[in-house]
Protein backbone atom coordinates (compact mmCIF):
# COMPACT_ATOMS: atom_id res chain seq x y z
CA MET A 1 -14.47 -15.56 -11.24
CA ILE A 2 -11.93 -12.23 -10.51
CA SER A 3 -10.76 -11.18 -14.05
CA ARG A 4 -7.48 -11.44 -14.51
CA GLN A 5 -7.13 -7.84 -15.00
CA PHE A 6 -8.05 -7.15 -11.88
CA LEU A 7 -6.57 -9.61 -9.53
CA PRO A 8 -3.38 -7.73 -9.10
CA ILE A 9 -4.92 -4.42 -7.35
CA ILE A 10 -6.45 -6.80 -5.35
CA LEU A 11 -2.96 -8.70 -4.50
CA LEU A 12 -1.25 -5.17 -4.84
CA THR A 13 -4.67 -4.59 -1.45
CA ILE A 14 -3.16 -7.57 0.52
CA SER A 15 0.51 -7.00 -0.13
CA ASN A 16 -0.27 -3.18 1.28
CA ILE A 17 -1.66 -4.34 4.45
CA PHE A 18 1.15 -6.51 5.36
CA MET A 19 3.30 -3.27 4.76
CA THR A 20 2.03 -1.22 6.30
CA PHE A 21 2.15 -3.69 9.62
CA ALA A 22 5.29 -4.33 9.13
CA TRP A 23 5.99 -0.32 8.62
CA TYR A 24 4.14 1.28 10.81
CA GLY A 25 1.83 -1.00 13.58
CA HIS A 26 5.47 -1.19 15.86
CA LEU A 27 4.33 2.35 16.63
CA LYS A 28 2.03 1.41 19.04
CA TYR A 29 4.97 -0.89 20.90
CA LYS A 30 7.41 1.80 21.15
CA ASN A 31 8.50 -0.10 24.51
CA SER A 32 9.57 -3.18 22.52
CA ALA A 33 13.29 -3.71 21.53
CA LEU A 34 13.93 -1.97 18.53
CA TRP A 35 15.61 -5.52 17.09
CA ILE A 36 12.74 -7.52 17.97
CA VAL A 37 10.40 -4.65 15.81
CA ILE A 38 13.19 -4.77 13.48
CA LEU A 39 13.08 -8.72 13.21
CA ILE A 40 8.93 -8.65 13.39
CA SER A 41 8.62 -6.42 10.77
CA TRP A 42 11.04 -8.40 8.24
CA GLY A 43 8.45 -11.68 8.67
CA ILE A 44 5.29 -9.44 8.58
CA ALA A 45 7.46 -7.75 5.02
CA PHE A 46 7.76 -11.21 3.97
CA LEU A 47 4.72 -11.96 3.43
CA GLU A 48 4.07 -8.48 1.79
CA TYR A 49 6.57 -9.52 -1.05
CA CYS A 50 4.41 -12.92 -1.21
CA PHE A 51 1.38 -11.04 -2.77
CA GLN A 52 3.56 -7.74 -4.26
CA VAL A 53 5.81 -9.89 -6.89
CA PRO A 54 3.06 -12.24 -8.12
CA ALA A 55 0.65 -8.84 -8.38
CA ASN A 56 3.24 -6.89 -10.40
CA ARG A 57 4.07 -10.07 -12.53
CA ILE A 58 0.35 -10.60 -13.17
CA GLY A 59 -0.24 -6.65 -13.36
CA HIS A 60 2.48 -6.28 -16.03
CA GLU A 61 0.46 -8.01 -18.86
CA PHE A 62 -2.10 -5.20 -18.74
CA PHE A 63 -0.29 -2.29 -17.10
CA THR A 64 3.33 -0.56 -17.72
CA ALA A 65 5.33 -0.52 -14.67
CA ALA A 66 4.97 3.23 -14.01
CA GLN A 67 0.89 2.62 -14.09
CA LEU A 68 2.00 -0.43 -11.34
CA LYS A 69 3.39 1.72 -8.95
CA THR A 70 0.77 4.37 -9.20
CA ILE A 71 -1.65 1.80 -8.44
CA GLN A 72 0.02 1.26 -5.41
CA GLU A 73 0.81 4.48 -3.86
CA VAL A 74 -3.43 4.81 -4.66
CA ILE A 75 -3.47 1.93 -2.66
CA THR A 76 -0.88 2.97 0.05
CA LEU A 77 -2.74 5.97 0.79
CA ILE A 78 -6.40 4.26 0.98
CA VAL A 79 -4.56 1.28 3.48
CA PHE A 80 -2.63 3.61 5.36
CA SER A 81 -5.46 6.14 6.14
CA PHE A 82 -7.44 3.37 7.24
CA PHE A 83 -4.75 2.05 9.08
CA SER A 84 -3.57 5.33 10.98
CA ILE A 85 -7.52 6.22 12.17
CA LEU A 86 -8.61 2.48 13.45
CA TYR A 87 -4.99 0.97 14.41
CA LEU A 88 -3.51 4.31 15.59
CA LYS A 89 -6.23 6.60 16.04
CA GLU A 90 -4.69 9.34 14.77
CA GLU A 91 -7.03 12.36 13.46
CA PHE A 92 -7.54 12.64 9.39
CA ARG A 93 -6.97 16.27 8.84
CA TRP A 94 -8.13 17.92 5.48
CA ASN A 95 -4.64 18.78 4.28
CA TYR A 96 -4.11 15.09 4.20
CA LEU A 97 -6.97 15.04 1.58
CA ALA A 98 -5.78 17.84 -0.09
CA GLY A 99 -2.59 16.02 -0.43
CA PHE A 100 -3.80 13.10 -1.74
CA ALA A 101 -6.58 14.62 -3.75
CA CYS A 102 -3.12 16.29 -5.76
CA ILE A 103 -1.73 12.05 -5.87
CA ILE A 104 -4.62 11.49 -7.40
CA LEU A 105 -4.64 14.18 -9.67
CA ALA A 106 -1.52 12.38 -10.60
CA VAL A 107 -3.37 9.12 -11.35
CA PHE A 108 -5.35 11.03 -13.91
CA PHE A 109 -2.04 11.98 -15.74
CA ILE A 110 -0.19 8.52 -15.50
CA PHE A 111 -3.29 7.02 -17.24
CA LYS A 112 -3.91 9.40 -19.85
CA LYS A 113 -4.23 8.48 -23.21
CA TRP A 114 -2.42 11.20 -24.85
């Protein structure tokens, strides 16, 4: 059984996968009409919200809103990195890693008990 504290992280990961496809999945289909892409993206985003809203509702029992947002941003970076490499076939560059490392440093400051 999954600890209730980890459930928000799992739900945020699932929601982020949907949102990444809603925002960037259409880049492989540049010949599709924009209005069609928008409607499909809205549908995918609806599914994203079905996971994101419960994730934040449950997660707020354990984390502050700022911590939840930080967790979501780290998940976004991880999901987007895999998405851009595997789905969009883009190169992952060293400066991306350096930038992500700076964001991870922000995680330290957000979660550190001062």
